């Protein structure tokens, strides 16, 4: 039984294209899981879908010019992210409105550009739905560079992104550049989408941005642990989905996403603290976390309360000793 399982996992790695694909999906899973944590905490699932479609014109332009599609997608993703942040600074234009306007406009631009060429081949279609088995060494190198930059910036601006994710008003009061941090997050999401193009395509990438992070959110209340779990679930989804697609002769991108869904469903049902079934059983209260600044529950309790963070102690007014007569 164990030997058969080992062969099932190892046999595909005898081929060079499978080894390259394994590296690509592992990198994709780690990066999407990490940045997806902030997407889920800030409720930005729609923006992941919007940006994945908004980079479509960059893919088409690069394809028509015979240039690197990854670079074209990254350039257009950064441009779209900056445009969303700029439009959202207007007091009568909310962030979701800016996303909706640019999402529709940029995708329509990509459709129009496609109509000008009759050479719409499956090379371009692979970036819509993914073609991880066709990745080259140059693709992996580009993904490593972009992925490393994304993870490095997450680590560098960890505290700032954490505070902004939970309390934007408090972040402004602390003097943090909230608009620039919003722009940074949008750029990081765009870079993550570029990393994921070869693995799952820009149509399915939103699933890898949301599903692993949503599963991790059910398993822990601490942000560092959520980041690690989300990245681990993303890597597991990529590796297992790739192996299943090889043995069952299925589309790799779709199989990876389908594997991620049960990995969300199990915590949704059985997570110790927040599962639908197990989480309903009472359990003794545990003490405060050692580092409350990293606790999602601690942060949410502070931030979502309409009252001030620190309530002044009311003056002591002892009750009269005897009855009060009017």
C-alpha atoms as a PDB file:
ATOM      1  CA  UNK A   1       0.000   0.000   0.000  1.00  0.00           C
ATOM      2  CA  UNK A   2       2.719   2.456   1.028  1.00  0.00           C
ATOM      3  CA  UNK A   3       4.948   1.383  -1.866  1.00  0.00           C
ATOM      4  CA  UNK A   4       2.094   1.938  -4.330  1.00  0.00           C
ATOM      5  CA  UNK A   5       1.467   5.403  -2.910  1.00  0.00           C
ATOM      6  CA  UNK A   6       5.167   6.268  -3.195  1.00  0.00           C
ATOM      7  CA  UNK A   7       5.225   5.114  -6.831  1.00  0.00           C
ATOM      8  CA  UNK A   8       2.037   7.092  -7.511  1.00  0.00           C
ATOM      9  CA  UNK A   9       3.737  10.261  -6.276  1.00  0.00           C
ATOM     10  CA  UNK A  10       7.269   9.675  -7.604  1.00  0.00           C
ATOM     11  CA  UNK A  11       6.620   8.157 -11.038  1.00  0.00           C
ATOM     12  CA  UNK A  12       5.573  11.435 -12.710  1.00  0.00           C
ATOM     13  CA  UNK A  13       8.844  13.054 -11.627  1.00  0.00           C
ATOM     14  CA  UNK A  14      10.858  10.961 -14.067  1.00  0.00           C
ATOM     15  CA  UNK A  15       9.872  13.479 -16.749  1.00  0.00           C
ATOM     16  CA  UNK A  16      11.487  16.894 -16.972  1.00  0.00           C
ATOM     17  CA  UNK A  17       8.206  18.672 -17.745  1.00  0.00           C
ATOM     18  CA  UNK A  18       6.625  17.225 -14.594  1.00  0.00           C
ATOM     19  CA  UNK A  19       9.525  18.378 -12.432  1.00  0.00           C
ATOM     20  CA  UNK A  20       9.193  21.878 -13.857  1.00  0.00           C
ATOM     21  CA  UNK A  21       5.438  21.763 -13.333  1.00  0.00           C
ATOM     22  CA  UNK A  22       5.909  20.664  -9.721  1.00  0.00           C
ATOM     23  CA  UNK A  23       8.164  23.638  -9.004  1.00  0.00           C
ATOM     24  CA  UNK A  24       5.685  25.988 -10.649  1.00  0.00           C
ATOM     25  CA  UNK A  25       2.620  24.776  -8.729  1.00  0.00           C
ATOM     26  CA  UNK A  26       4.502  24.715  -5.414  1.00  0.00           C
ATOM     27  CA  UNK A  27       5.611  28.310  -5.917  1.00  0.00           C
ATOM     28  CA  UNK A  28       2.134  29.332  -7.033  1.00  0.00           C
ATOM     29  CA  UNK A  29       0.521  27.696  -4.006  1.00  0.00           C
ATOM     30  CA  UNK A  30       2.884  29.366  -1.533  1.00  0.00           C
ATOM     31  CA  UNK A  31       2.530  32.861  -2.993  1.00  0.00           C
ATOM     32  CA  UNK A  32      -1.245  32.760  -3.543  1.00  0.00           C
ATOM     33  CA  UNK A  33      -1.749  31.335  -0.062  1.00  0.00           C
ATOM     34  CA  UNK A  34       0.299  34.071   1.583  1.00  0.00           C
ATOM     35  CA  UNK A  35      -1.190  37.071  -0.203  1.00  0.00           C
ATOM     36  CA  UNK A  36      -4.636  35.442  -0.129  1.00  0.00           C
ATOM     37  CA  UNK A  37      -4.577  35.836   3.650  1.00  0.00           C
ATOM     38  CA  UNK A  38      -4.885  39.603   3.287  1.00  0.00           C
ATOM     39  CA  UNK A  39      -7.424  39.218   0.482  1.00  0.00           C
ATOM     40  CA  UNK A  40      -9.692  37.183   2.778  1.00  0.00           C
ATOM     41  CA  UNK A  41      -9.183  39.338   5.879  1.00  0.00           C
ATOM     42  CA  UNK A  42     -10.035  42.510   3.983  1.00  0.00           C
ATOM     43  CA  UNK A  43     -12.932  40.967   2.089  1.00  0.00           C
ATOM     44  CA  UNK A  44     -11.297  41.614  -1.285  1.00  0.00           C
ATOM     45  CA  UNK A  45     -12.267  38.384  -3.042  1.00  0.00           C
ATOM     46  CA  UNK A  46     -13.894  40.393  -5.811  1.00  0.00           C
ATOM     47  CA  UNK A  47     -10.740  42.388  -6.418  1.00  0.00           C
ATOM     48  CA  UNK A  48      -8.798  39.186  -7.040  1.00  0.00           C
ATOM     49  CA  UNK A  49     -11.278  38.224  -9.729  1.00  0.00           C
ATOM     50  CA  UNK A  50     -11.262  41.758 -11.139  1.00  0.00           C
ATOM     51  CA  UNK A  51      -7.475  42.049 -11.323  1.00  0.00           C
ATOM     52  CA  UNK A  52      -7.149  38.600 -12.876  1.00  0.00           C
ATOM     53  CA  UNK A  53      -9.399  39.807 -15.698  1.00  0.00           C
ATOM     54  CA  UNK A  54      -7.931  43.309 -15.781  1.00  0.00           C
ATOM     55  CA  UNK A  55      -4.483  42.006 -16.768  1.00  0.00           C
ATOM     56  CA  UNK A  56      -6.008  40.350 -19.829  1.00  0.00           C
ATOM     57  CA  UNK A  57      -5.206  43.292 -22.158  1.00  0.00           C
ATOM     58  CA  UNK A  58      -1.560  43.132 -21.068  1.00  0.00           C
ATOM     59  CA  UNK A  59      -1.474  39.458 -22.023  1.00  0.00           C
ATOM     60  CA  UNK A  60      -3.039  40.185 -25.407  1.00  0.00           C
ATOM     61  CA  UNK A  61      -0.771  43.160 -26.171  1.00  0.00           C
ATOM     62  CA  UNK A  62       2.354  41.197 -25.279  1.00  0.00           C
ATOM     63  CA  UNK A  63       1.121  38.266 -27.353  1.00  0.00           C
ATOM     64  CA  UNK A  64       0.458  40.441 -30.397  1.00  0.00           C
ATOM     65  CA  UNK A  65       3.857  42.130 -30.066  1.00  0.00           C
ATOM     66  CA  UNK A  66       5.670  38.844 -29.586  1.00  0.00           C
ATOM     67  CA  UNK A  67       6.968  39.889 -26.156  1.00  0.00           C
ATOM     68  CA  UNK A  68       6.940  38.142 -22.792  1.00  0.00           C
ATOM     69  CA  UNK A  69       3.346  37.576 -21.754  1.00  0.00           C
ATOM     70  CA  UNK A  70       4.319  37.468 -18.088  1.00  0.00           C
ATOM     71  CA  UNK A  71       5.901  40.913 -18.289  1.00  0.00           C
ATOM     72  CA  UNK A  72       2.922  42.280 -20.185  1.00  0.00           C
ATOM     73  CA  UNK A  73       0.543  40.918 -17.576  1.00  0.00           C
ATOM     74  CA  UNK A  74       2.638  42.307 -14.712  1.00  0.00           C
ATOM     75  CA  UNK A  75       2.886  45.774 -16.288  1.00  0.00           C
ATOM     76  CA  UNK A  76      -0.855  45.981 -16.922  1.00  0.00           C
ATOM     77  CA  UNK A  77      -1.616  44.599 -13.463  1.00  0.00           C
ATOM     78  CA  UNK A  78       0.455  47.312 -11.793  1.00  0.00           C
ATOM     79  CA  UNK A  79      -1.161  49.965 -14.017  1.00  0.00           C
ATOM     80  CA  UNK A  80      -4.654  48.725 -13.128  1.00  0.00           C
ATOM     81  CA  UNK A  81      -3.812  48.560  -9.417  1.00  0.00           C
ATOM     82  CA  UNK A  82      -2.565  52.152  -9.484  1.00  0.00           C
ATOM     83  CA  UNK A  83      -5.694  53.263 -11.362  1.00  0.00           C
ATOM     84  CA  UNK A  84      -7.981  51.605  -8.795  1.00  0.00           C
ATOM     85  CA  UNK A  85      -6.143  53.263  -5.924  1.00  0.00           C
ATOM     86  CA  UNK A  86      -6.284  56.646  -7.686  1.00  0.00           C
ATOM     87  CA  UNK A  87     -10.003  56.465  -8.487  1.00  0.00           C
ATOM     88  CA  UNK A  88     -10.831  55.319  -4.948  1.00  0.00           C
ATOM     89  CA  UNK A  89      -9.303  58.509  -3.483  1.00  0.00           C
ATOM     90  CA  UNK A  90     -12.336  60.464  -4.737  1.00  0.00           C
ATOM     91  CA  UNK A  91     -14.825  60.800  -1.900  1.00  0.00           C
ATOM     92  CA  UNK A  92     -17.786  59.939  -4.150  1.00  0.00           C
ATOM     93  CA  UNK A  93     -16.155  56.883  -5.745  1.00  0.00           C
ATOM     94  CA  UNK A  94     -15.840  53.847  -3.492  1.00  0.00           C
ATOM     95  CA  UNK A  95     -13.206  51.164  -3.966  1.00  0.00           C
ATOM     96  CA  UNK A  96     -15.665  48.544  -5.234  1.00  0.00           C
ATOM     97  CA  UNK A  97     -17.016  51.053  -7.762  1.00  0.00           C
ATOM     98  CA  UNK A  98     -13.524  51.778  -9.097  1.00  0.00           C
ATOM     99  CA  UNK A  99     -12.843  48.037  -9.344  1.00  0.00           C
ATOM    100  CA  UNK A 100     -16.083  47.415 -11.239  1.00  0.00           C
ATOM    101  CA  UNK A 101     -15.428  50.213 -13.729  1.00  0.00           C
ATOM    102  CA  UNK A 102     -11.850  49.182 -14.506  1.00  0.00           C
ATOM    103  CA  UNK A 103     -12.622  45.462 -14.446  1.00  0.00           C
ATOM    104  CA  UNK A 104     -15.227  45.806 -17.183  1.00  0.00           C
ATOM    105  CA  UNK A 105     -13.279  48.356 -19.207  1.00  0.00           C
ATOM    106  CA  UNK A 106      -9.946  46.529 -19.254  1.00  0.00           C
ATOM    107  CA  UNK A 107     -11.455  43.155 -20.051  1.00  0.00           C
ATOM    108  CA  UNK A 108     -13.451  44.718 -22.884  1.00  0.00           C
ATOM    109  CA  UNK A 109     -10.206  46.231 -24.189  1.00  0.00           C
ATOM    110  CA  UNK A 110      -8.655  42.769 -24.254  1.00  0.00           C
ATOM    111  CA  UNK A 111     -11.613  41.373 -26.204  1.00  0.00           C
ATOM    112  CA  UNK A 112     -11.370  44.202 -28.755  1.00  0.00           C
ATOM    113  CA  UNK A 113      -7.629  43.646 -29.184  1.00  0.00           C
ATOM    114  CA  UNK A 114      -8.170  39.931 -29.756  1.00  0.00           C
ATOM    115  CA  UNK A 115     -10.678  40.709 -32.486  1.00  0.00           C
ATOM    116  CA  UNK A 116      -7.953  42.534 -34.436  1.00  0.00           C
ATOM    117  CA  UNK A 117      -5.889  39.372 -34.809  1.00  0.00           C
ATOM    118  CA  UNK A 118      -6.753  36.107 -36.482  1.00  0.00           C
ATOM    119  CA  UNK A 119      -3.876  34.313 -34.819  1.00  0.00           C
ATOM    120  CA  UNK A 120      -5.677  33.598 -31.573  1.00  0.00           C
ATOM    121  CA  UNK A 121      -4.029  30.281 -30.813  1.00  0.00           C
ATOM    122  CA  UNK A 122      -4.044  28.049 -27.782  1.00  0.00           C
ATOM    123  CA  UNK A 123      -0.836  29.753 -26.640  1.00  0.00           C
ATOM    124  CA  UNK A 124      -2.975  32.663 -25.513  1.00  0.00           C
ATOM    125  CA  UNK A 125      -5.775  30.390 -24.310  1.00  0.00           C
ATOM    126  CA  UNK A 126      -3.319  28.626 -22.013  1.00  0.00           C
ATOM    127  CA  UNK A 127      -2.959  31.833 -20.022  1.00  0.00           C
ATOM    128  CA  UNK A 128      -6.696  31.958 -19.564  1.00  0.00           C
ATOM    129  CA  UNK A 129      -7.001  28.383 -18.272  1.00  0.00           C
ATOM    130  CA  UNK A 130      -3.409  27.451 -17.428  1.00  0.00           C
ATOM    131  CA  UNK A 131      -0.912  25.091 -19.054  1.00  0.00           C
ATOM    132  CA  UNK A 132       1.436  24.104 -16.246  1.00  0.00           C
ATOM    133  CA  UNK A 133       2.823  21.136 -18.199  1.00  0.00           C
ATOM    134  CA  UNK A 134       4.208  23.533 -20.790  1.00  0.00           C
ATOM    135  CA  UNK A 135       6.186  25.821 -18.487  1.00  0.00           C
ATOM    136  CA  UNK A 136       9.795  26.465 -19.427  1.00  0.00           C
ATOM    137  CA  UNK A 137      12.840  27.150 -17.301  1.00  0.00           C
ATOM    138  CA  UNK A 138      12.520  30.837 -18.186  1.00  0.00           C
ATOM    139  CA  UNK A 139       8.900  30.826 -16.961  1.00  0.00           C
ATOM    140  CA  UNK A 140       9.968  29.293 -13.648  1.00  0.00           C
ATOM    141  CA  UNK A 141      12.785  31.805 -13.259  1.00  0.00           C
ATOM    142  CA  UNK A 142      10.374  34.707 -13.839  1.00  0.00           C
ATOM    143  CA  UNK A 143       7.892  33.215 -11.370  1.00  0.00           C
ATOM    144  CA  UNK A 144      10.637  32.763  -8.763  1.00  0.00           C
ATOM    145  CA  UNK A 145      11.700  36.394  -9.073  1.00  0.00           C
ATOM    146  CA  UNK A 146       8.158  37.782  -8.885  1.00  0.00           C
ATOM    147  CA  UNK A 147       7.165  35.377  -6.113  1.00  0.00           C
ATOM    148  CA  UNK A 148      10.262  36.206  -4.051  1.00  0.00           C
ATOM    149  CA  UNK A 149       9.562  39.930  -4.373  1.00  0.00           C
ATOM    150  CA  UNK A 150       5.929  39.434  -3.290  1.00  0.00           C
ATOM    151  CA  UNK A 151       6.873  37.353  -0.235  1.00  0.00           C
ATOM    152  CA  UNK A 152       9.698  39.739   0.693  1.00  0.00           C
ATOM    153  CA  UNK A 153       7.364  42.746   0.604  1.00  0.00           C
ATOM    154  CA  UNK A 154       4.793  40.883   2.709  1.00  0.00           C
ATOM    155  CA  UNK A 155       7.475  40.287   5.309  1.00  0.00           C
ATOM    156  CA  UNK A 156       8.843  43.813   5.111  1.00  0.00           C
ATOM    157  CA  UNK A 157       5.437  45.496   5.529  1.00  0.00           C
ATOM    158  CA  UNK A 158       3.888  42.821   7.747  1.00  0.00           C
ATOM    159  CA  UNK A 159       2.809  45.107  10.591  1.00  0.00           C
ATOM    160  CA  UNK A 160       1.572  47.880   8.319  1.00  0.00           C
ATOM    161  CA  UNK A 161      -0.514  45.470   6.239  1.00  0.00           C
ATOM    162  CA  UNK A 162      -1.857  43.844   9.396  1.00  0.00           C
ATOM    163  CA  UNK A 163      -2.993  47.122  10.946  1.00  0.00           C
ATOM    164  CA  UNK A 164      -4.517  48.348   7.689  1.00  0.00           C
ATOM    165  CA  UNK A 165      -6.364  45.052   7.200  1.00  0.00           C
ATOM    166  CA  UNK A 166      -8.147  45.385  10.545  1.00  0.00           C
ATOM    167  CA  UNK A 167      -8.467  49.093  11.262  1.00  0.00           C
ATOM    168  CA  UNK A 168      -8.033  51.625   8.475  1.00  0.00           C
ATOM    169  CA  UNK A 169      -9.187  54.523  10.665  1.00  0.00           C
ATOM    170  CA  UNK A 170      -6.732  53.557  13.371  1.00  0.00           C
ATOM    171  CA  UNK A 171      -3.993  53.199  10.760  1.00  0.00           C
ATOM    172  CA  UNK A 172      -4.609  56.754   9.568  1.00  0.00           C
ATOM    173  CA  UNK A 173      -4.559  57.979  13.155  1.00  0.00           C
ATOM    174  CA  UNK A 174      -1.180  56.286  13.609  1.00  0.00           C
ATOM    175  CA  UNK A 175       0.146  58.178  10.583  1.00  0.00           C
ATOM    176  CA  UNK A 176       0.392  55.177   8.272  1.00  0.00           C
ATOM    177  CA  UNK A 177       0.104  55.920   4.515  1.00  0.00           C
ATOM    178  CA  UNK A 178      -3.094  53.940   4.010  1.00  0.00           C
ATOM    179  CA  UNK A 179      -3.508  54.847   0.329  1.00  0.00           C
ATOM    180  CA  UNK A 180       0.022  53.720  -0.473  1.00  0.00           C
ATOM    181  CA  UNK A 181      -0.447  50.522   1.522  1.00  0.00           C
ATOM    182  CA  UNK A 182      -3.647  49.842  -0.431  1.00  0.00           C
ATOM    183  CA  UNK A 183      -1.699  50.351  -3.645  1.00  0.00           C
ATOM    184  CA  UNK A 184       1.038  48.025  -2.399  1.00  0.00           C
ATOM    185  CA  UNK A 185      -1.504  45.302  -1.663  1.00  0.00           C
ATOM    186  CA  UNK A 186      -3.063  45.665  -5.116  1.00  0.00           C
ATOM    187  CA  UNK A 187       0.372  45.429  -6.732  1.00  0.00           C
ATOM    188  CA  UNK A 188       1.195  42.330  -4.690  1.00  0.00           C
ATOM    189  CA  UNK A 189      -2.072  40.720  -5.779  1.00  0.00           C
ATOM    190  CA  UNK A 190      -1.249  41.551  -9.402  1.00  0.00           C
ATOM    191  CA  UNK A 191       2.196  39.980  -9.041  1.00  0.00           C
ATOM    192  CA  UNK A 192       0.660  36.882  -7.494  1.00  0.00           C
ATOM    193  CA  UNK A 193      -1.762  36.549 -10.392  1.00  0.00           C
ATOM    194  CA  UNK A 194       1.175  36.715 -12.804  1.00  0.00           C
ATOM    195  CA  UNK A 195       2.921  33.906 -10.888  1.00  0.00           C
ATOM    196  CA  UNK A 196      -0.249  31.808 -11.172  1.00  0.00           C
ATOM    197  CA  UNK A 197      -0.889  32.301 -14.894  1.00  0.00           C
ATOM    198  CA  UNK A 198       1.015  29.228 -16.034  1.00  0.00           C
ATOM    199  CA  UNK A 199      -0.442  26.971 -13.336  1.00  0.00           C
ATOM    200  CA  UNK A 200      -4.169  27.741 -13.233  1.00  0.00           C
ATOM    201  CA  UNK A 201      -4.636  30.653 -15.660  1.00  0.00           C
ATOM    202  CA  UNK A 202      -6.163  34.014 -14.887  1.00  0.00           C
ATOM    203  CA  UNK A 203      -9.701  32.594 -14.859  1.00  0.00           C
ATOM    204  CA  UNK A 204      -9.170  30.179 -11.945  1.00  0.00           C
ATOM    205  CA  UNK A 205      -6.555  32.125 -10.002  1.00  0.00           C
ATOM    206  CA  UNK A 206      -9.165  33.760  -7.763  1.00  0.00           C
ATOM    207  CA  UNK A 207      -9.915  30.308  -6.313  1.00  0.00           C
ATOM    208  CA  UNK A 208      -6.290  29.890  -5.247  1.00  0.00           C
ATOM    209  CA  UNK A 209      -6.273  33.397  -3.776  1.00  0.00           C
ATOM    210  CA  UNK A 210      -9.343  32.759  -1.638  1.00  0.00           C
ATOM    211  CA  UNK A 211      -9.803  29.039  -0.894  1.00  0.00           C
ATOM    212  CA  UNK A 212      -6.542  28.217   0.969  1.00  0.00           C
ATOM    213  CA  UNK A 213      -6.733  31.417   3.008  1.00  0.00           C
ATOM    214  CA  UNK A 214     -10.395  30.812   3.849  1.00  0.00           C
ATOM    215  CA  UNK A 215      -9.530  27.307   5.071  1.00  0.00           C
ATOM    216  CA  UNK A 216      -6.664  28.642   7.183  1.00  0.00           C
ATOM    217  CA  UNK A 217      -8.980  31.299   8.655  1.00  0.00           C
ATOM    218  CA  UNK A 218     -11.117  28.486  10.076  1.00  0.00           C
ATOM    219  CA  UNK A 219      -8.131  26.749  11.658  1.00  0.00           C
ATOM    220  CA  UNK A 220      -6.434  29.562  13.540  1.00  0.00           C
ATOM    221  CA  UNK A 221      -6.977  32.980  15.082  1.00  0.00           C
ATOM    222  CA  UNK A 222      -3.384  34.132  14.737  1.00  0.00           C
ATOM    223  CA  UNK A 223      -2.139  35.941  11.673  1.00  0.00           C
ATOM    224  CA  UNK A 224       1.361  34.381  11.415  1.00  0.00           C
ATOM    225  CA  UNK A 225      -0.132  30.889  11.710  1.00  0.00           C
ATOM    226  CA  UNK A 226      -2.790  31.774   9.154  1.00  0.00           C
ATOM    227  CA  UNK A 227      -0.119  32.893   6.689  1.00  0.00           C
ATOM    228  CA  UNK A 228       1.781  29.627   7.089  1.00  0.00           C
ATOM    229  CA  UNK A 229      -1.291  27.394   6.925  1.00  0.00           C
ATOM    230  CA  UNK A 230      -2.670  29.188   3.899  1.00  0.00           C
ATOM    231  CA  UNK A 231       0.618  28.812   2.031  1.00  0.00           C
ATOM    232  CA  UNK A 232       0.826  25.146   3.041  1.00  0.00           C
ATOM    233  CA  UNK A 233      -2.720  24.429   1.877  1.00  0.00           C
ATOM    234  CA  UNK A 234      -1.961  26.187  -1.404  1.00  0.00           C
ATOM    235  CA  UNK A 235       1.191  24.090  -1.967  1.00  0.00           C
ATOM    236  CA  UNK A 236      -0.655  20.883  -1.049  1.00  0.00           C
ATOM    237  CA  UNK A 237      -3.478  21.697  -3.460  1.00  0.00           C
ATOM    238  CA  UNK A 238      -0.992  22.327  -6.258  1.00  0.00           C
ATOM    239  CA  UNK A 239       1.113  19.200  -5.714  1.00  0.00           C
ATOM    240  CA  UNK A 240      -1.801  16.790  -5.168  1.00  0.00           C
ATOM    241  CA  UNK A 241      -3.847  18.295  -7.991  1.00  0.00           C
ATOM    242  CA  UNK A 242      -0.908  18.018 -10.378  1.00  0.00           C
ATOM    243  CA  UNK A 243      -0.387  14.341  -9.504  1.00  0.00           C
ATOM    244  CA  UNK A 244      -4.065  13.532  -9.922  1.00  0.00           C
ATOM    245  CA  UNK A 245      -4.229  15.326 -13.269  1.00  0.00           C
ATOM    246  CA  UNK A 246      -1.221  13.320 -14.507  1.00  0.00           C
ATOM    247  CA  UNK A 247      -2.609   9.907 -13.577  1.00  0.00           C
ATOM    248  CA  UNK A 248      -6.220  10.666 -14.570  1.00  0.00           C
ATOM    249  CA  UNK A 249      -5.310  12.624 -17.721  1.00  0.00           C
ATOM    250  CA  UNK A 250      -7.235  15.712 -16.596  1.00  0.00           C
ATOM    251  CA  UNK A 251      -6.679  19.443 -16.962  1.00  0.00           C
ATOM    252  CA  UNK A 252      -4.087  20.385 -14.350  1.00  0.00           C
ATOM    253  CA  UNK A 253      -5.408  23.872 -13.528  1.00  0.00           C
ATOM    254  CA  UNK A 254      -8.968  22.753 -12.918  1.00  0.00           C
ATOM    255  CA  UNK A 255      -7.852  19.704 -10.925  1.00  0.00           C
ATOM    256  CA  UNK A 256      -5.705  21.847  -8.625  1.00  0.00           C
ATOM    257  CA  UNK A 257      -8.685  24.078  -7.844  1.00  0.00           C
ATOM    258  CA  UNK A 258     -10.943  21.059  -7.278  1.00  0.00           C
ATOM    259  CA  UNK A 259      -8.457  19.647  -4.765  1.00  0.00           C
ATOM    260  CA  UNK A 260      -8.409  22.962  -2.905  1.00  0.00           C
ATOM    261  CA  UNK A 261     -12.180  22.885  -2.365  1.00  0.00           C
ATOM    262  CA  UNK A 262     -12.240  19.770  -0.110  1.00  0.00           C
ATOM    263  CA  UNK A 263      -9.297  21.213   1.809  1.00  0.00           C
ATOM    264  CA  UNK A 264     -11.638  24.092   2.651  1.00  0.00           C
ATOM    265  CA  UNK A 265     -14.644  21.867   3.268  1.00  0.00           C
ATOM    266  CA  UNK A 266     -12.948  19.742   5.935  1.00  0.00           C
ATOM    267  CA  UNK A 267     -12.059  22.702   8.210  1.00  0.00           C
ATOM    268  CA  UNK A 268     -15.474  24.198   7.548  1.00  0.00           C
ATOM    269  CA  UNK A 269     -16.996  21.080   9.082  1.00  0.00           C
ATOM    270  CA  UNK A 270     -14.350  19.881  11.541  1.00  0.00           C
ATOM    271  CA  UNK A 271     -12.160  22.813  12.581  1.00  0.00           C
ATOM    272  CA  UNK A 272     -11.622  22.577  16.374  1.00  0.00           C
ATOM    273  CA  UNK A 273     -12.810  26.092  17.202  1.00  0.00           C
ATOM    274  CA  UNK A 274     -14.812  27.257  14.184  1.00  0.00           C
ATOM    275  CA  UNK A 275     -16.031  24.095  12.436  1.00  0.00           C
ATOM    276  CA  UNK A 276     -19.727  23.646  11.755  1.00  0.00           C
ATOM    277  CA  UNK A 277     -19.816  20.320  13.627  1.00  0.00           C
ATOM    278  CA  UNK A 278     -16.888  20.162  16.027  1.00  0.00           C
ATOM    279  CA  UNK A 279     -16.829  23.872  16.717  1.00  0.00           C
ATOM    280  CA  UNK A 280     -20.332  23.746  18.235  1.00  0.00           C
ATOM    281  CA  UNK A 281     -19.185  21.699  21.234  1.00  0.00           C
ATOM    282  CA  UNK A 282     -18.379  23.799  24.317  1.00  0.00           C
ATOM    283  CA  UNK A 283     -14.772  23.822  25.450  1.00  0.00           C
ATOM    284  CA  UNK A 284     -12.979  25.509  28.328  1.00  0.00           C
ATOM    285  CA  UNK A 285     -11.772  29.016  27.703  1.00  0.00           C
ATOM    286  CA  UNK A 286      -8.048  29.342  27.245  1.00  0.00           C
ATOM    287  CA  UNK A 287      -5.891  32.157  28.517  1.00  0.00           C
ATOM    288  CA  UNK A 288      -4.885  35.157  26.466  1.00  0.00           C
ATOM    289  CA  UNK A 289      -2.452  34.654  23.630  1.00  0.00           C
ATOM    290  CA  UNK A 290       1.203  35.302  24.339  1.00  0.00           C
ATOM    291  CA  UNK A 291       1.352  37.874  21.555  1.00  0.00           C
ATOM    292  CA  UNK A 292      -2.093  39.529  21.399  1.00  0.00           C
ATOM    293  CA  UNK A 293      -0.935  41.864  18.649  1.00  0.00           C
ATOM    294  CA  UNK A 294      -0.819  38.910  16.265  1.00  0.00           C
ATOM    295  CA  UNK A 295      -4.196  37.501  17.277  1.00  0.00           C
ATOM    296  CA  UNK A 296      -7.020  37.978  14.830  1.00  0.00           C
ATOM    297  CA  UNK A 297      -9.600  37.718  17.607  1.00  0.00           C
ATOM    298  CA  UNK A 298      -7.816  40.325  19.712  1.00  0.00           C
ATOM    299  CA  UNK A 299      -7.548  42.691  16.774  1.00  0.00           C
ATOM    300  CA  UNK A 300     -11.148  42.166  15.718  1.00  0.00           C
ATOM    301  CA  UNK A 301     -12.380  42.768  19.268  1.00  0.00           C
ATOM    302  CA  UNK A 302     -10.560  46.080  19.379  1.00  0.00           C
ATOM    303  CA  UNK A 303     -11.378  47.239  15.916  1.00  0.00           C
ATOM    304  CA  UNK A 304     -14.998  46.262  15.438  1.00  0.00           C
ATOM    305  CA  UNK A 305     -16.215  47.659  18.724  1.00  0.00           C
ATOM    306  CA  UNK A 306     -17.995  50.997  18.218  1.00  0.00           C
ATOM    307  CA  UNK A 307     -16.685  52.156  21.590  1.00  0.00           C
ATOM    308  CA  UNK A 308     -13.188  53.619  22.077  1.00  0.00           C
ATOM    309  CA  UNK A 309     -10.311  51.178  22.446  1.00  0.00           C
ATOM    310  CA  UNK A 310      -9.569  52.376  25.978  1.00  0.00           C
ATOM    311  CA  UNK A 311     -12.614  53.352  27.965  1.00  0.00           C
ATOM    312  CA  UNK A 312     -12.007  55.837  30.773  1.00  0.00           C
ATOM    313  CA  UNK A 313     -12.984  54.519  34.189  1.00  0.00           C
ATOM    314  CA  UNK A 314     -16.151  56.296  35.334  1.00  0.00           C
ATOM    315  CA  UNK A 315     -15.900  58.174  38.625  1.00  0.00           C
ATOM    316  CA  UNK A 316     -17.082  56.183  41.622  1.00  0.00           C
ATOM    317  CA  UNK A 317     -20.430  57.449  42.837  1.00  0.00           C
ATOM    318  CA  UNK A 318     -21.427  55.468  45.918  1.00  0.00           C
ATOM    319  CA  UNK A 319     -25.132  54.868  46.415  1.00  0.00           C
ATOM    320  CA  UNK A 320     -26.794  56.712  49.287  1.00  0.00           C
ATOM    321  CA  UNK A 321     -27.037  54.805  52.535  1.00  0.00           C
ATOM    322  CA  UNK A 322     -30.756  55.242  52.986  1.00  0.00           C
ATOM    323  CA  UNK A 323     -33.780  55.452  50.684  1.00  0.00           C
ATOM    324  CA  UNK A 324     -34.146  58.507  48.534  1.00  0.00           C
ATOM    325  CA  UNK A 325     -37.390  60.445  48.907  1.00  0.00           C
ATOM    326  CA  UNK A 326     -38.568  62.897  46.330  1.00  0.00           C
END
